[in-house]
Amino acid sequence: MNRLEDSDAGEWVVVTASGSLYLLDLDRRTLTRGNFDLTVNRRLRRDWEVVALIAVVLCRVGSGMHLVIDLAVQGVDFTTRLSTTVLLIAPLRPEKEQVMGP
């Protein structure tokens, strides 16, 4: 898989060059992000918390990822999450068929 579109469905794992792991559930419209590199402190607000995913603007291997999310902060409608270069996009459950958009 080399890209995800906002209209796609399913649960996906996205790994970036910084060592971050993103779990995108395009059916439930949620995002969970964390980092497995324990040698450096690369924590972001809401790491390992499930947050609302509003839109996938860009998610393509070889490019940075751009997401619009809702952190449930009063008075803030949305925020963006930008990533380093996407290295891998894979289904969370490879045995389960993923549905791609047009």
C-alpha atoms as a PDB file:
ATOM      1  CA  MET A   1       0.000   0.000   0.000  1.00  0.00           C
ATOM      2  CA  ASN A   2       1.507   3.337  -0.955  1.00  0.00           C
ATOM      3  CA  ARG A   3      -1.237   5.806   0.028  1.00  0.00           C
ATOM      4  CA  LEU A   4      -4.442   6.299   1.980  1.00  0.00           C
ATOM      5  CA  GLU A   5      -7.291   8.570   0.962  1.00  0.00           C
ATOM      6  CA  ASP A   6      -9.842  10.161   3.270  1.00  0.00           C
ATOM      7  CA  SER A   7     -12.550   8.106   1.548  1.00  0.00           C
ATOM      8  CA  ASP A   8     -10.816   4.768   2.278  1.00  0.00           C
ATOM      9  CA  ALA A   9     -12.061   2.383   4.969  1.00  0.00           C
ATOM     10  CA  GLY A  10     -10.481  -0.051   7.398  1.00  0.00           C
ATOM     11  CA  GLU A  11      -7.824   0.039  10.097  1.00  0.00           C
ATOM     12  CA  TRP A  12      -4.287   0.986   9.102  1.00  0.00           C
ATOM     13  CA  VAL A  13      -0.804   1.238  10.605  1.00  0.00           C
ATOM     14  CA  VAL A  14       1.388   4.080   9.354  1.00  0.00           C
ATOM     15  CA  VAL A  15       5.089   4.197  10.321  1.00  0.00           C
ATOM     16  CA  THR A  16       7.144   7.359   9.853  1.00  0.00           C
ATOM     17  CA  ALA A  17      10.857   8.143   9.607  1.00  0.00           C
ATOM     18  CA  SER A  18      10.937   9.522  13.167  1.00  0.00           C
ATOM     19  CA  GLY A  19       9.846   6.141  14.555  1.00  0.00           C
ATOM     20  CA  SER A  20       6.259   7.175  15.126  1.00  0.00           C
ATOM     21  CA  LEU A  21       3.449   4.690  14.743  1.00  0.00           C
ATOM     22  CA  TYR A  22      -0.011   5.885  13.768  1.00  0.00           C
ATOM     23  CA  LEU A  23      -3.105   3.703  14.006  1.00  0.00           C
ATOM     24  CA  LEU A  24      -5.798   5.097  11.719  1.00  0.00           C
ATOM     25  CA  ASP A  25      -9.293   3.669  11.965  1.00  0.00           C
ATOM     26  CA  LEU A  26     -11.028   5.089   8.925  1.00  0.00           C
ATOM     27  CA  ASP A  27     -14.324   3.377   9.820  1.00  0.00           C
ATOM     28  CA  ARG A  28     -14.574   4.858  13.313  1.00  0.00           C
ATOM     29  CA  ARG A  29     -12.647   7.984  12.272  1.00  0.00           C
ATOM     30  CA  THR A  30     -10.061   7.748  15.053  1.00  0.00           C
ATOM     31  CA  LEU A  31      -6.301   8.173  15.344  1.00  0.00           C
ATOM     32  CA  THR A  32      -3.835   6.851  17.905  1.00  0.00           C
ATOM     33  CA  ARG A  33      -0.185   7.918  17.734  1.00  0.00           C
ATOM     34  CA  GLY A  34       2.900   6.898  19.659  1.00  0.00           C
ATOM     35  CA  ASN A  35       6.649   6.472  19.308  1.00  0.00           C
ATOM     36  CA  PHE A  36       8.622   3.311  19.934  1.00  0.00           C
ATOM     37  CA  ASP A  37      12.049   4.955  20.041  1.00  0.00           C
ATOM     38  CA  LEU A  38      12.609   5.018  23.805  1.00  0.00           C
ATOM     39  CA  THR A  39      16.101   6.528  23.465  1.00  0.00           C
ATOM     40  CA  VAL A  40      14.719   9.995  22.709  1.00  0.00           C
ATOM     41  CA  ASN A  41      11.798  12.000  24.023  1.00  0.00           C
ATOM     42  CA  ARG A  42       9.462  12.531  21.081  1.00  0.00           C
ATOM     43  CA  ARG A  43       6.163  12.604  22.947  1.00  0.00           C
ATOM     44  CA  LEU A  44       3.341  14.658  21.566  1.00  0.00           C
ATOM     45  CA  ARG A  45       0.135  15.726  23.272  1.00  0.00           C
ATOM     46  CA  ARG A  46      -2.274  12.824  23.472  1.00  0.00           C
ATOM     47  CA  ASP A  47       0.268  10.119  22.597  1.00  0.00           C
ATOM     48  CA  TRP A  48      -1.352   6.686  22.861  1.00  0.00           C
ATOM     49  CA  GLU A  49      -4.765   8.300  23.330  1.00  0.00           C
ATOM     50  CA  VAL A  50      -7.552   7.797  20.823  1.00  0.00           C
ATOM     51  CA  VAL A  51      -8.510  11.110  19.200  1.00  0.00           C
ATOM     52  CA  ALA A  52     -11.112  12.005  16.586  1.00  0.00           C
ATOM     53  CA  LEU A  53      -9.880  11.968  12.997  1.00  0.00           C
ATOM     54  CA  ILE A  54     -11.589  14.628  10.921  1.00  0.00           C
ATOM     55  CA  ALA A  55      -9.695  14.251   7.633  1.00  0.00           C
ATOM     56  CA  VAL A  56      -6.762  12.558   5.948  1.00  0.00           C
ATOM     57  CA  VAL A  57      -5.304  15.365   3.828  1.00  0.00           C
ATOM     58  CA  LEU A  58      -2.166  13.474   2.751  1.00  0.00           C
ATOM     59  CA  CYS A  59      -0.900  10.005   3.602  1.00  0.00           C
ATOM     60  CA  ARG A  60       1.544   8.636   1.050  1.00  0.00           C
ATOM     61  CA  VAL A  61       4.780   6.660   1.328  1.00  0.00           C
ATOM     62  CA  GLY A  62       7.673   9.014   0.644  1.00  0.00           C
ATOM     63  CA  SER A  63       5.795  12.132   1.828  1.00  0.00           C
ATOM     64  CA  GLY A  64       4.945  13.584   5.189  1.00  0.00           C
ATOM     65  CA  MET A  65       1.463  12.776   6.472  1.00  0.00           C
ATOM     66  CA  HIS A  66      -1.067  15.576   7.060  1.00  0.00           C
ATOM     67  CA  LEU A  67      -4.126  14.885   9.223  1.00  0.00           C
ATOM     68  CA  VAL A  68      -6.886  17.069  10.646  1.00  0.00           C
ATOM     69  CA  ILE A  69      -7.861  15.960  14.159  1.00  0.00           C
ATOM     70  CA  ASP A  70     -10.095  17.008  17.048  1.00  0.00           C
ATOM     71  CA  LEU A  71      -8.346  16.972  20.429  1.00  0.00           C
ATOM     72  CA  ALA A  72     -11.605  17.844  22.234  1.00  0.00           C
ATOM     73  CA  VAL A  73     -10.249  21.157  23.487  1.00  0.00           C
ATOM     74  CA  GLN A  74     -13.004  23.620  24.292  1.00  0.00           C
ATOM     75  CA  GLY A  75     -13.059  26.508  21.828  1.00  0.00           C
ATOM     76  CA  VAL A  76     -10.780  24.722  19.323  1.00  0.00           C
ATOM     77  CA  ASP A  77     -12.642  23.119  16.433  1.00  0.00           C
ATOM     78  CA  PHE A  78      -9.679  21.191  15.056  1.00  0.00           C
ATOM     79  CA  THR A  79      -5.901  21.049  14.776  1.00  0.00           C
ATOM     80  CA  THR A  80      -3.501  19.536  12.279  1.00  0.00           C
ATOM     81  CA  ARG A  81      -1.005  16.766  12.808  1.00  0.00           C
ATOM     82  CA  LEU A  82       1.964  16.661  10.439  1.00  0.00           C
ATOM     83  CA  SER A  83       4.423  13.792  10.379  1.00  0.00           C
ATOM     84  CA  THR A  84       7.867  13.059   9.072  1.00  0.00           C
ATOM     85  CA  THR A  85       8.185  10.980   5.900  1.00  0.00           C
ATOM     86  CA  VAL A  86       5.843   7.984   5.758  1.00  0.00           C
ATOM     87  CA  LEU A  87       7.837   4.744   5.410  1.00  0.00           C
ATOM     88  CA  LEU A  88       5.057   2.150   5.591  1.00  0.00           C
ATOM     89  CA  ILE A  89       1.284   1.901   5.292  1.00  0.00           C
ATOM     90  CA  ALA A  90      -0.165  -1.514   6.150  1.00  0.00           C
ATOM     91  CA  PRO A  91      -3.515  -2.969   7.207  1.00  0.00           C
ATOM     92  CA  LEU A  92      -3.774  -3.449  10.973  1.00  0.00           C
ATOM     93  CA  ARG A  93      -5.308  -6.873  10.355  1.00  0.00           C
ATOM     94  CA  PRO A  94      -3.824  -8.184   7.102  1.00  0.00           C
ATOM     95  CA  GLU A  95      -6.275 -11.096   7.000  1.00  0.00           C
ATOM     96  CA  LYS A  96      -9.248  -8.713   7.013  1.00  0.00           C
ATOM     97  CA  GLU A  97     -10.017  -7.248   3.607  1.00  0.00           C
ATOM     98  CA  GLN A  98      -9.633  -3.466   3.549  1.00  0.00           C
ATOM     99  CA  VAL A  99     -11.925  -1.336   1.419  1.00  0.00           C
ATOM    100  CA  MET A 100     -10.323   1.342  -0.723  1.00  0.00           C
ATOM    101  CA  GLY A 101     -12.076   4.484  -1.903  1.00  0.00           C
ATOM    102  CA  PRO A 102     -12.388   5.578  -5.534  1.00  0.00           C
END
